[in-house]
Amino acid sequence: MTDRIDAQLAFLIEADKLKSTLRATTLCDGSRRENSGEHSWHIALYALVLAEHATTPVNIDRVIKMLLIHDIVEIDAGDNPIHGNHDTAEQDRIEQAAAARIFGLLPADQRDEFRRLWQEFEAAETDDAIFAKSIDRVQPVVANLETNGGTWPQYDVTADQLQTRVGIKVQRGAPAIWTALKSRIDAWFTA
């Protein structure tokens, strides 16, 4: 039993590094950039509050699990802003290696379960993962709207780019949420 607890604690200590991994998105008050630990907690809360708006019924426990671990790879890979310029194949390689290393700290049963949940989230093919991916895209949009565009100007984000990279994913899993945000987004881009 001690070996199992030691492995679990090793994973949890490693996960603490998410608090030091800065993201491109700022806090809603604009005071600083958020870290990946804050982001993971916040979108888990978003999912809990907004689950009723999922396109199809979801298992909120599974969604929250996905959201709590979805960015764990950023410990090794760093934040990969959706509007940034990056080599997708190279980023995928780095993230796969990070997933193997970090989830590998856990006992085998948890390692396999968490890795499957992470892969399911990345693939975004199940109802739970589609909704989780939608919520992951909603939170930065809200933060950017709350901070007068936040990092959109820095990344030269256009309305079309936002629709293509974010809107389509949100509409797929939670169209009512995108509809609710769309007037605020349109107003910001036409101001």
N, C-alpha and C. Protein backbone atom coordinates (compact mmCIF):
# COMPACT_ATOMS: atom_id res chain seq x y z
N MET A 1 0.82 -1.20 0.00
CA MET A 1 0.00 0.00 0.00
C MET A 1 0.87 1.26 0.00
N THR A 2 1.98 1.21 0.71
CA THR A 2 2.86 2.37 0.78
C THR A 2 3.39 2.73 -0.59
N ASP A 3 3.73 1.72 -1.41
CA ASP A 3 4.23 2.00 -2.76
C ASP A 3 3.17 2.72 -3.60
N ARG A 4 1.93 2.31 -3.46
CA ARG A 4 0.83 2.94 -4.20
C ARG A 4 0.67 4.40 -3.77
N ILE A 5 0.66 4.63 -2.49
CA ILE A 5 0.51 6.01 -1.99
C ILE A 5 1.71 6.85 -2.40
N ASP A 6 2.91 6.28 -2.33
CA ASP A 6 4.10 7.01 -2.76
C ASP A 6 3.99 7.43 -4.23
N ALA A 7 3.51 6.52 -5.08
CA ALA A 7 3.35 6.83 -6.50
C ALA A 7 2.29 7.92 -6.71
N GLN A 8 1.20 7.81 -5.99
CA GLN A 8 0.14 8.82 -6.11
C GLN A 8 0.63 10.18 -5.64
N LEU A 9 1.35 10.21 -4.55
CA LEU A 9 1.89 11.48 -4.05
C LEU A 9 2.91 12.06 -5.02
N ALA A 10 3.72 11.20 -5.64
CA ALA A 10 4.69 11.68 -6.64
C ALA A 10 3.97 12.37 -7.79
N PHE A 11 2.86 11.79 -8.24
CA PHE A 11 2.07 12.41 -9.31
C PHE A 11 1.49 13.74 -8.85
N LEU A 12 0.93 13.78 -7.66
CA LEU A 12 0.33 15.01 -7.15
C LEU A 12 1.37 16.11 -6.94
N ILE A 13 2.54 15.75 -6.49
CA ILE A 13 3.62 16.73 -6.34
C ILE A 13 4.03 17.26 -7.72
N GLU A 14 4.10 16.37 -8.69
CA GLU A 14 4.44 16.80 -10.06
C GLU A 14 3.34 17.71 -10.61
N ALA A 15 2.09 17.37 -10.34
CA ALA A 15 0.96 18.18 -10.83
C ALA A 15 0.98 19.59 -10.26
N ASP A 16 1.60 19.78 -9.12
CA ASP A 16 1.73 21.11 -8.54
C ASP A 16 2.45 22.07 -9.49
N LYS A 17 3.26 21.52 -10.39
CA LYS A 17 4.00 22.35 -11.35
C LYS A 17 3.06 23.09 -12.31
N LEU A 18 1.81 22.63 -12.42
CA LEU A 18 0.84 23.35 -13.26
C LEU A 18 0.64 24.77 -12.76
N LYS A 19 0.84 24.98 -11.47
CA LYS A 19 0.68 26.31 -10.88
C LYS A 19 1.77 27.27 -11.34
N SER A 20 2.86 26.73 -11.87
CA SER A 20 3.97 27.55 -12.36
C SER A 20 3.99 27.65 -13.88
N THR A 21 3.04 27.01 -14.54
CA THR A 21 2.97 27.02 -16.00
C THR A 21 2.01 28.14 -16.42
N LEU A 22 2.57 29.23 -16.92
CA LEU A 22 1.74 30.37 -17.30
C LEU A 22 1.11 30.17 -18.66
N ARG A 23 -0.11 30.65 -18.78
CA ARG A 23 -0.87 30.57 -20.02
C ARG A 23 -0.92 31.95 -20.68
N ALA A 24 -1.34 32.00 -21.91
CA ALA A 24 -1.47 33.28 -22.61
C ALA A 24 -2.64 34.09 -22.06
N THR A 25 -3.69 33.43 -21.60
CA THR A 25 -4.89 34.10 -21.12
C THR A 25 -4.63 34.79 -19.78
N THR A 26 -5.21 35.99 -19.64
CA THR A 26 -5.11 36.69 -18.36
C THR A 26 -6.33 36.36 -17.49
N LEU A 27 -6.21 36.71 -16.22
CA LEU A 27 -7.36 36.60 -15.33
C LEU A 27 -8.43 37.59 -15.79
N CYS A 28 -9.66 37.39 -15.40
CA CYS A 28 -10.75 38.27 -15.81
C CYS A 28 -10.56 39.70 -15.33
N ASP A 29 -9.77 39.91 -14.27
CA ASP A 29 -9.52 41.28 -13.83
C ASP A 29 -8.32 41.90 -14.54
N GLY A 30 -7.67 41.13 -15.42
CA GLY A 30 -6.55 41.64 -16.21
C GLY A 30 -5.25 41.84 -15.44
N SER A 31 -5.22 41.42 -14.17
CA SER A 31 -4.06 41.71 -13.32
C SER A 31 -2.81 40.91 -13.68
N ARG A 32 -3.01 39.72 -14.24
CA ARG A 32 -1.86 38.88 -14.58
C ARG A 32 -2.33 37.72 -15.44
N ARG A 33 -1.36 36.98 -15.98
CA ARG A 33 -1.69 35.77 -16.73
C ARG A 33 -2.10 34.67 -15.75
N GLU A 34 -3.02 33.84 -16.19
CA GLU A 34 -3.42 32.71 -15.35
C GLU A 34 -2.41 31.59 -15.52
N ASN A 35 -2.38 30.69 -14.56
CA ASN A 35 -1.54 29.51 -14.72
C ASN A 35 -2.43 28.32 -15.06
N SER A 36 -1.80 27.24 -15.50
CA SER A 36 -2.57 26.08 -15.96
C SER A 36 -3.34 25.40 -14.84
N GLY A 37 -2.85 25.48 -13.61
CA GLY A 37 -3.60 24.93 -12.48
C GLY A 37 -4.91 25.68 -12.28
N GLU A 38 -4.82 27.01 -12.32
CA GLU A 38 -6.03 27.84 -12.19
C GLU A 38 -7.00 27.56 -13.33
N HIS A 39 -6.46 27.46 -14.54
CA HIS A 39 -7.30 27.20 -15.71
C HIS A 39 -8.04 25.87 -15.56
N SER A 40 -7.34 24.83 -15.15
CA SER A 40 -7.97 23.52 -15.02
C SER A 40 -9.08 23.53 -13.98
N TRP A 41 -8.83 24.18 -12.85
CA TRP A 41 -9.87 24.29 -11.83
C TRP A 41 -11.06 25.10 -12.37
N HIS A 42 -10.77 26.21 -13.04
CA HIS A 42 -11.83 27.11 -13.47
C HIS A 42 -12.73 26.46 -14.52
N ILE A 43 -12.13 25.74 -15.46
CA ILE A 43 -12.99 25.13 -16.48
C ILE A 43 -13.75 23.94 -15.92
N ALA A 44 -13.21 23.27 -14.88
CA ALA A 44 -14.00 22.23 -14.22
C ALA A 44 -15.24 22.85 -13.59
N LEU A 45 -15.08 24.03 -13.00
CA LEU A 45 -16.22 24.74 -12.43
C LEU A 45 -17.18 25.20 -13.54
N TYR A 46 -16.63 25.71 -14.65
CA TYR A 46 -17.46 26.07 -15.80
C TYR A 46 -18.32 24.88 -16.22
N ALA A 47 -17.71 23.71 -16.33
CA ALA A 47 -18.45 22.52 -16.77
C ALA A 47 -19.56 22.17 -15.80
N LEU A 48 -19.27 22.23 -14.51
CA LEU A 48 -20.26 21.92 -13.50
C LEU A 48 -21.46 22.87 -13.59
N VAL A 49 -21.18 24.14 -13.79
CA VAL A 49 -22.24 25.16 -13.85
C VAL A 49 -23.00 25.11 -15.17
N LEU A 50 -22.30 24.85 -16.26
CA LEU A 50 -22.90 24.97 -17.59
C LEU A 50 -23.31 23.64 -18.23
N ALA A 51 -23.21 22.53 -17.51
CA ALA A 51 -23.48 21.21 -18.09
C ALA A 51 -24.86 21.10 -18.72
N GLU A 52 -25.83 21.84 -18.20
CA GLU A 52 -27.19 21.77 -18.76
C GLU A 52 -27.25 22.26 -20.20
N HIS A 53 -26.21 22.95 -20.67
CA HIS A 53 -26.19 23.48 -22.03
C HIS A 53 -25.45 22.59 -23.02
N ALA A 54 -25.03 21.42 -22.57
CA ALA A 54 -24.36 20.48 -23.48
C ALA A 54 -25.33 20.04 -24.56
N THR A 55 -24.82 19.84 -25.74
CA THR A 55 -25.65 19.40 -26.87
C THR A 55 -26.38 18.11 -26.55
N THR A 56 -25.68 17.20 -25.92
CA THR A 56 -26.27 15.92 -25.50
C THR A 56 -25.96 15.73 -24.02
N PRO A 57 -26.74 14.93 -23.32
CA PRO A 57 -26.45 14.70 -21.90
C PRO A 57 -25.02 14.17 -21.72
N VAL A 58 -24.35 14.66 -20.67
CA VAL A 58 -22.98 14.23 -20.41
C VAL A 58 -22.87 13.70 -18.98
N ASN A 59 -21.85 12.89 -18.77
CA ASN A 59 -21.51 12.41 -17.44
C ASN A 59 -20.56 13.45 -16.85
N ILE A 60 -21.10 14.33 -16.01
CA ILE A 60 -20.33 15.47 -15.52
C ILE A 60 -19.10 15.03 -14.72
N ASP A 61 -19.18 13.90 -14.05
CA ASP A 61 -18.00 13.41 -13.32
C ASP A 61 -16.84 13.12 -14.28
N ARG A 62 -17.15 12.48 -15.40
CA ARG A 62 -16.10 12.19 -16.40
C ARG A 62 -15.59 13.48 -17.03
N VAL A 63 -16.49 14.41 -17.32
CA VAL A 63 -16.09 15.69 -17.91
C VAL A 63 -15.13 16.42 -16.97
N ILE A 64 -15.48 16.48 -15.70
CA ILE A 64 -14.63 17.18 -14.73
C ILE A 64 -13.28 16.48 -14.60
N LYS A 65 -13.27 15.16 -14.61
CA LYS A 65 -11.99 14.44 -14.57
C LYS A 65 -11.13 14.83 -15.77
N MET A 66 -11.73 14.84 -16.95
CA MET A 66 -10.98 15.22 -18.16
C MET A 66 -10.40 16.62 -18.02
N LEU A 67 -11.23 17.54 -17.55
CA LEU A 67 -10.81 18.93 -17.47
C LEU A 67 -9.72 19.14 -16.41
N LEU A 68 -9.77 18.36 -15.34
CA LEU A 68 -8.74 18.49 -14.31
C LEU A 68 -7.38 17.99 -14.78
N ILE A 69 -7.38 17.02 -15.71
CA ILE A 69 -6.09 16.47 -16.16
C ILE A 69 -5.71 16.86 -17.59
N HIS A 70 -6.59 17.55 -18.31
CA HIS A 70 -6.35 17.75 -19.75
C HIS A 70 -5.08 18.53 -20.05
N ASP A 71 -4.67 19.43 -19.19
CA ASP A 71 -3.47 20.23 -19.45
C ASP A 71 -2.26 19.78 -18.66
N ILE A 72 -2.32 18.61 -18.04
CA ILE A 72 -1.20 18.11 -17.23
C ILE A 72 0.09 18.06 -18.06
N VAL A 73 -0.06 17.83 -19.36
CA VAL A 73 1.12 17.75 -20.23
C VAL A 73 1.85 19.08 -20.35
N GLU A 74 1.17 20.18 -19.99
CA GLU A 74 1.80 21.49 -20.08
C GLU A 74 2.96 21.64 -19.09
N ILE A 75 3.05 20.75 -18.12
CA ILE A 75 4.20 20.76 -17.22
C ILE A 75 5.48 20.63 -18.04
N ASP A 76 5.47 19.74 -19.03
CA ASP A 76 6.63 19.54 -19.89
C ASP A 76 6.54 20.33 -21.19
N ALA A 77 5.33 20.45 -21.74
CA ALA A 77 5.16 21.02 -23.07
C ALA A 77 4.91 22.52 -23.07
N GLY A 78 4.55 23.09 -21.92
CA GLY A 78 4.20 24.50 -21.86
C GLY A 78 2.83 24.74 -22.47
N ASP A 79 2.36 25.97 -22.30
CA ASP A 79 1.07 26.35 -22.87
C ASP A 79 1.20 26.48 -24.37
N ASN A 80 0.20 26.05 -25.08
CA ASN A 80 0.19 26.10 -26.53
C ASN A 80 -1.02 26.92 -26.95
N PRO A 81 -0.89 28.26 -26.95
CA PRO A 81 -2.06 29.11 -27.23
C PRO A 81 -2.72 28.76 -28.56
N ILE A 82 -4.03 28.70 -28.53
CA ILE A 82 -4.79 28.32 -29.74
C ILE A 82 -4.56 29.29 -30.89
N HIS A 83 -4.23 30.54 -30.57
CA HIS A 83 -4.00 31.52 -31.62
C HIS A 83 -2.51 31.74 -31.92
N GLY A 84 -1.67 30.92 -31.30
CA GLY A 84 -0.23 31.03 -31.53
C GLY A 84 0.19 30.28 -32.78
N ASN A 85 1.40 30.52 -33.18
CA ASN A 85 1.98 29.81 -34.33
C ASN A 85 2.89 28.72 -33.79
N HIS A 86 2.59 27.48 -34.13
CA HIS A 86 3.37 26.37 -33.63
C HIS A 86 3.32 25.20 -34.58
N ASP A 87 4.30 24.35 -34.46
CA ASP A 87 4.38 23.12 -35.25
C ASP A 87 3.50 22.08 -34.57
N THR A 88 2.36 21.81 -35.15
CA THR A 88 1.38 20.91 -34.54
C THR A 88 1.93 19.51 -34.33
N ALA A 89 2.64 18.97 -35.32
CA ALA A 89 3.18 17.61 -35.20
C ALA A 89 4.21 17.54 -34.08
N GLU A 90 5.08 18.51 -34.01
CA GLU A 90 6.10 18.54 -32.95
C GLU A 90 5.45 18.71 -31.58
N GLN A 91 4.46 19.59 -31.49
CA GLN A 91 3.76 19.80 -30.22
C GLN A 91 3.07 18.51 -29.78
N ASP A 92 2.47 17.79 -30.72
CA ASP A 92 1.81 16.52 -30.39
C ASP A 92 2.83 15.52 -29.86
N ARG A 93 4.00 15.45 -30.48
CA ARG A 93 5.05 14.53 -30.02
C ARG A 93 5.47 14.87 -28.60
N ILE A 94 5.67 16.15 -28.32
CA ILE A 94 6.07 16.59 -26.99
C ILE A 94 4.99 16.26 -25.96
N GLU A 95 3.73 16.50 -26.32
CA GLU A 95 2.63 16.24 -25.39
C GLU A 95 2.45 14.74 -25.13
N GLN A 96 2.62 13.92 -26.15
CA GLN A 96 2.52 12.46 -25.96
C GLN A 96 3.61 11.97 -25.00
N ALA A 97 4.82 12.48 -25.17
CA ALA A 97 5.92 12.09 -24.28
C ALA A 97 5.64 12.58 -22.86
N ALA A 98 5.10 13.79 -22.74
CA ALA A 98 4.76 14.33 -21.42
C ALA A 98 3.68 13.48 -20.75
N ALA A 99 2.68 13.09 -21.51
CA ALA A 99 1.61 12.25 -20.95
C ALA A 99 2.18 10.92 -20.46
N ALA A 100 3.04 10.32 -21.25
CA ALA A 100 3.63 9.05 -20.84
C ALA A 100 4.44 9.22 -19.55
N ARG A 101 5.23 10.27 -19.46
CA ARG A 101 6.07 10.48 -18.28
C ARG A 101 5.23 10.81 -17.05
N ILE A 102 4.33 11.77 -17.17
CA ILE A 102 3.61 12.26 -15.99
C ILE A 102 2.58 11.25 -15.51
N PHE A 103 1.76 10.73 -16.41
CA PHE A 103 0.79 9.72 -15.99
C PHE A 103 1.52 8.45 -15.53
N GLY A 104 2.72 8.23 -16.06
CA GLY A 104 3.53 7.08 -15.68
C GLY A 104 3.98 7.09 -14.23
N LEU A 105 3.84 8.21 -13.57
CA LEU A 105 4.18 8.29 -12.15
C LEU A 105 3.15 7.56 -11.29
N LEU A 106 1.95 7.42 -11.81
CA LEU A 106 0.83 6.82 -11.06
C LEU A 106 0.91 5.30 -11.06
N PRO A 107 0.21 4.65 -10.12
CA PRO A 107 0.04 3.20 -10.19
C PRO A 107 -0.62 2.84 -11.53
N ALA A 108 -0.35 1.65 -12.03
CA ALA A 108 -0.76 1.26 -13.38
C ALA A 108 -2.24 1.49 -13.67
N ASP A 109 -3.14 1.16 -12.74
CA ASP A 109 -4.57 1.32 -13.02
C ASP A 109 -4.94 2.79 -13.21
N GLN A 110 -4.42 3.66 -12.36
CA GLN A 110 -4.70 5.09 -12.51
C GLN A 110 -3.97 5.67 -13.72
N ARG A 111 -2.75 5.22 -13.95
CA ARG A 111 -2.01 5.66 -15.14
C ARG A 111 -2.84 5.40 -16.39
N ASP A 112 -3.35 4.19 -16.51
CA ASP A 112 -4.11 3.82 -17.71
C ASP A 112 -5.43 4.58 -17.81
N GLU A 113 -6.14 4.72 -16.68
CA GLU A 113 -7.41 5.45 -16.69
C GLU A 113 -7.20 6.91 -17.07
N PHE A 114 -6.24 7.57 -16.46
CA PHE A 114 -6.00 8.99 -16.73
C PHE A 114 -5.51 9.20 -18.16
N ARG A 115 -4.66 8.30 -18.63
CA ARG A 115 -4.16 8.42 -20.00
C ARG A 115 -5.31 8.26 -20.99
N ARG A 116 -6.20 7.30 -20.73
CA ARG A 116 -7.37 7.12 -21.61
C ARG A 116 -8.26 8.36 -21.60
N LEU A 117 -8.51 8.92 -20.42
CA LEU A 117 -9.33 10.13 -20.34
C LEU A 117 -8.68 11.28 -21.08
N TRP A 118 -7.37 11.43 -20.92
CA TRP A 118 -6.63 12.49 -21.62
C TRP A 118 -6.73 12.31 -23.13
N GLN A 119 -6.54 11.08 -23.61
CA GLN A 119 -6.63 10.80 -25.04
C GLN A 119 -8.05 11.01 -25.56
N GLU A 120 -9.04 10.64 -24.77
CA GLU A 120 -10.43 10.86 -25.15
C GLU A 120 -10.71 12.35 -25.30
N PHE A 121 -10.22 13.15 -24.34
CA PHE A 121 -10.38 14.60 -24.42
C PHE A 121 -9.72 15.13 -25.69
N GLU A 122 -8.51 14.73 -25.95
CA GLU A 122 -7.78 15.21 -27.13
C GLU A 122 -8.49 14.85 -28.43
N ALA A 123 -9.05 13.64 -28.50
CA ALA A 123 -9.74 13.20 -29.72
C ALA A 123 -11.08 13.89 -29.90
N ALA A 124 -11.73 14.27 -28.81
CA ALA A 124 -13.03 14.97 -28.83
C ALA A 124 -14.05 14.29 -29.74
N GLU A 125 -14.25 12.99 -29.49
CA GLU A 125 -15.21 12.25 -30.30
C GLU A 125 -16.42 11.76 -29.49
N THR A 126 -16.28 11.62 -28.18
CA THR A 126 -17.41 11.20 -27.34
C THR A 126 -18.17 12.44 -26.88
N ASP A 127 -19.40 12.24 -26.45
CA ASP A 127 -20.20 13.36 -25.96
C ASP A 127 -19.51 14.09 -24.81
N ASP A 128 -18.94 13.32 -23.88
CA ASP A 128 -18.26 13.93 -22.73
C ASP A 128 -17.07 14.77 -23.19
N ALA A 129 -16.28 14.23 -24.09
CA ALA A 129 -15.08 14.94 -24.55
C ALA A 129 -15.43 16.15 -25.42
N ILE A 130 -16.46 16.03 -26.22
CA ILE A 130 -16.89 17.16 -27.05
C ILE A 130 -17.31 18.33 -26.16
N PHE A 131 -18.09 18.04 -25.12
CA PHE A 131 -18.49 19.10 -24.20
C PHE A 131 -17.29 19.64 -23.44
N ALA A 132 -16.43 18.77 -22.96
CA ALA A 132 -15.23 19.22 -22.23
C ALA A 132 -14.38 20.13 -23.10
N LYS A 133 -14.18 19.77 -24.35
CA LYS A 133 -13.38 20.59 -25.28
C LYS A 133 -14.07 21.93 -25.51
N SER A 134 -15.39 21.92 -25.59
CA SER A 134 -16.13 23.18 -25.76
C SER A 134 -15.89 24.12 -24.58
N ILE A 135 -16.00 23.59 -23.39
CA ILE A 135 -15.83 24.40 -22.19
C ILE A 135 -14.39 24.90 -22.08
N ASP A 136 -13.44 24.08 -22.49
CA ASP A 136 -12.04 24.50 -22.49
C ASP A 136 -11.83 25.73 -23.38
N ARG A 137 -12.63 25.84 -24.43
CA ARG A 137 -12.51 26.98 -25.34
C ARG A 137 -13.31 28.20 -24.86
N VAL A 138 -14.35 27.97 -24.08
CA VAL A 138 -15.21 29.07 -23.62
C VAL A 138 -14.49 29.98 -22.62
N GLN A 139 -13.83 29.39 -21.65
CA GLN A 139 -13.25 30.17 -20.56
C GLN A 139 -12.26 31.24 -21.04
N PRO A 140 -11.33 30.96 -21.96
CA PRO A 140 -10.45 32.03 -22.44
C PRO A 140 -11.20 33.14 -23.18
N VAL A 141 -12.26 32.78 -23.90
CA VAL A 141 -13.06 33.79 -24.59
C VAL A 141 -13.67 34.74 -23.57
N VAL A 142 -14.24 34.19 -22.52
CA VAL A 142 -14.84 35.03 -21.47
C VAL A 142 -13.78 35.93 -20.85
N ALA A 143 -12.61 35.37 -20.55
CA ALA A 143 -11.53 36.17 -19.96
C ALA A 143 -11.10 37.29 -20.90
N ASN A 144 -11.00 37.00 -22.19
CA ASN A 144 -10.62 38.04 -23.16
C ASN A 144 -11.70 39.11 -23.27
N LEU A 145 -12.96 38.71 -23.26
CA LEU A 145 -14.04 39.70 -23.31
C LEU A 145 -14.03 40.58 -22.06
N GLU A 146 -13.75 39.98 -20.91
CA GLU A 146 -13.74 40.73 -19.66
C GLU A 146 -12.56 41.71 -19.56
N THR A 147 -11.55 41.51 -20.40
CA THR A 147 -10.35 42.36 -20.35
C THR A 147 -10.17 43.13 -21.66
N ASN A 148 -11.29 43.55 -22.24
CA ASN A 148 -11.28 44.34 -23.46
C ASN A 148 -10.43 43.71 -24.57
N GLY A 149 -10.64 42.45 -24.80
CA GLY A 149 -9.92 41.74 -25.86
C GLY A 149 -8.71 40.98 -25.36
N GLY A 150 -8.32 41.25 -24.13
CA GLY A 150 -7.21 40.50 -23.53
C GLY A 150 -6.02 40.33 -24.45
N THR A 151 -5.73 39.10 -24.79
CA THR A 151 -4.57 38.80 -25.63
C THR A 151 -4.91 38.72 -27.12
N TRP A 152 -6.15 38.94 -27.49
CA TRP A 152 -6.49 38.89 -28.92
C TRP A 152 -5.65 39.86 -29.75
N PRO A 153 -5.48 41.11 -29.32
CA PRO A 153 -4.64 42.00 -30.13
C PRO A 153 -3.20 41.51 -30.25
N GLN A 154 -2.66 40.97 -29.18
CA GLN A 154 -1.28 40.47 -29.18
C GLN A 154 -1.10 39.36 -30.22
N TYR A 155 -2.11 38.51 -30.37
CA TYR A 155 -2.04 37.40 -31.32
C TYR A 155 -2.71 37.72 -32.66
N ASP A 156 -3.08 38.99 -32.86
CA ASP A 156 -3.73 39.42 -34.11
C ASP A 156 -4.93 38.55 -34.46
N VAL A 157 -5.75 38.26 -33.47
CA VAL A 157 -6.92 37.41 -33.67
C VAL A 157 -7.98 38.18 -34.44
N THR A 158 -8.54 37.54 -35.44
CA THR A 158 -9.64 38.11 -36.20
C THR A 158 -10.93 37.40 -35.80
N ALA A 159 -12.06 38.00 -36.15
CA ALA A 159 -13.35 37.38 -35.87
C ALA A 159 -13.46 36.03 -36.57
N ASP A 160 -12.99 35.96 -37.82
CA ASP A 160 -13.03 34.70 -38.56
C ASP A 160 -12.16 33.63 -37.91
N GLN A 161 -10.98 34.04 -37.47
CA GLN A 161 -10.07 33.11 -36.81
C GLN A 161 -10.69 32.59 -35.51
N LEU A 162 -11.31 33.47 -34.75
CA LEU A 162 -11.96 33.05 -33.51
C LEU A 162 -13.08 32.06 -33.80
N GLN A 163 -13.85 32.33 -34.83
CA GLN A 163 -14.94 31.42 -35.20
C GLN A 163 -14.38 30.05 -35.61
N THR A 164 -13.32 30.05 -36.41
CA THR A 164 -12.75 28.80 -36.93
C THR A 164 -12.06 27.98 -35.86
N ARG A 165 -11.27 28.64 -35.02
CA ARG A 165 -10.47 27.92 -34.04
C ARG A 165 -11.21 27.66 -32.72
N VAL A 166 -12.21 28.47 -32.43
CA VAL A 166 -12.89 28.35 -31.14
C VAL A 166 -14.38 28.11 -31.33
N GLY A 167 -15.04 28.97 -32.08
CA GLY A 167 -16.49 28.92 -32.21
C GLY A 167 -17.02 27.59 -32.68
N ILE A 168 -16.38 27.00 -33.65
CA ILE A 168 -16.86 25.72 -34.19
C ILE A 168 -16.82 24.64 -33.11
N LYS A 169 -15.75 24.63 -32.30
CA LYS A 169 -15.65 23.64 -31.23
C LYS A 169 -16.69 23.88 -30.14
N VAL A 170 -16.92 25.13 -29.79
CA VAL A 170 -17.92 25.43 -28.77
C VAL A 170 -19.31 25.09 -29.30
N GLN A 171 -19.60 25.46 -30.53
CA GLN A 171 -20.91 25.16 -31.11
C GLN A 171 -21.18 23.66 -31.17
N ARG A 172 -20.14 22.89 -31.37
CA ARG A 172 -20.30 21.43 -31.46
C ARG A 172 -20.79 20.84 -30.14
N GLY A 173 -20.31 21.36 -29.01
CA GLY A 173 -20.65 20.77 -27.72
C GLY A 173 -21.60 21.57 -26.86
N ALA A 174 -21.68 22.88 -27.15
CA ALA A 174 -22.54 23.75 -26.33
C ALA A 174 -22.97 24.97 -27.14
N PRO A 175 -23.78 24.76 -28.17
CA PRO A 175 -24.13 25.86 -29.08
C PRO A 175 -24.82 27.04 -28.39
N ALA A 176 -25.62 26.78 -27.37
CA ALA A 176 -26.31 27.88 -26.69
C ALA A 176 -25.31 28.83 -26.02
N ILE A 177 -24.22 28.28 -25.54
CA ILE A 177 -23.19 29.12 -24.90
C ILE A 177 -22.53 30.01 -25.94
N TRP A 178 -22.21 29.45 -27.10
CA TRP A 178 -21.60 30.27 -28.16
C TRP A 178 -22.57 31.35 -28.62
N THR A 179 -23.82 31.01 -28.77
CA THR A 179 -24.83 31.99 -29.17
C THR A 179 -24.89 33.12 -28.15
N ALA A 180 -24.84 32.76 -26.87
CA ALA A 180 -24.89 33.78 -25.81
C ALA A 180 -23.66 34.70 -25.84
N LEU A 181 -22.51 34.16 -26.22
CA LEU A 181 -21.28 34.96 -26.28
C LEU A 181 -21.12 35.74 -27.57
N LYS A 182 -21.77 35.28 -28.63
CA LYS A 182 -21.54 35.81 -29.98
C LYS A 182 -21.80 37.31 -30.09
N SER A 183 -22.84 37.82 -29.47
CA SER A 183 -23.11 39.26 -29.60
C SER A 183 -22.00 40.08 -28.93
N ARG A 184 -21.49 39.60 -27.81
CA ARG A 184 -20.38 40.30 -27.15
C ARG A 184 -19.12 40.22 -28.00
N ILE A 185 -18.88 39.07 -28.62
CA ILE A 185 -17.71 38.90 -29.49
C ILE A 185 -17.82 39.82 -30.69
N ASP A 186 -18.98 39.81 -31.33
CA ASP A 186 -19.19 40.67 -32.51
C ASP A 186 -19.01 42.13 -32.15
N ALA A 187 -19.55 42.54 -31.02
CA ALA A 187 -19.40 43.94 -30.58
C ALA A 187 -17.95 44.31 -30.37
N TRP A 188 -17.16 43.40 -29.82
CA TRP A 188 -15.75 43.70 -29.58
C TRP A 188 -15.02 43.86 -30.90
N PHE A 189 -15.28 42.97 -31.85
CA PHE A 189 -14.56 43.02 -33.12
C PHE A 189 -15.00 44.18 -34.02
N THR A 190 -16.19 44.71 -33.80
CA THR A 190 -16.65 45.83 -34.62
C THR A 190 -16.44 47.19 -33.94
N ALA A 191 -15.94 47.18 -32.71
CA ALA A 191 -15.74 48.44 -31.97
C ALA A 191 -14.56 49.23 -32.52
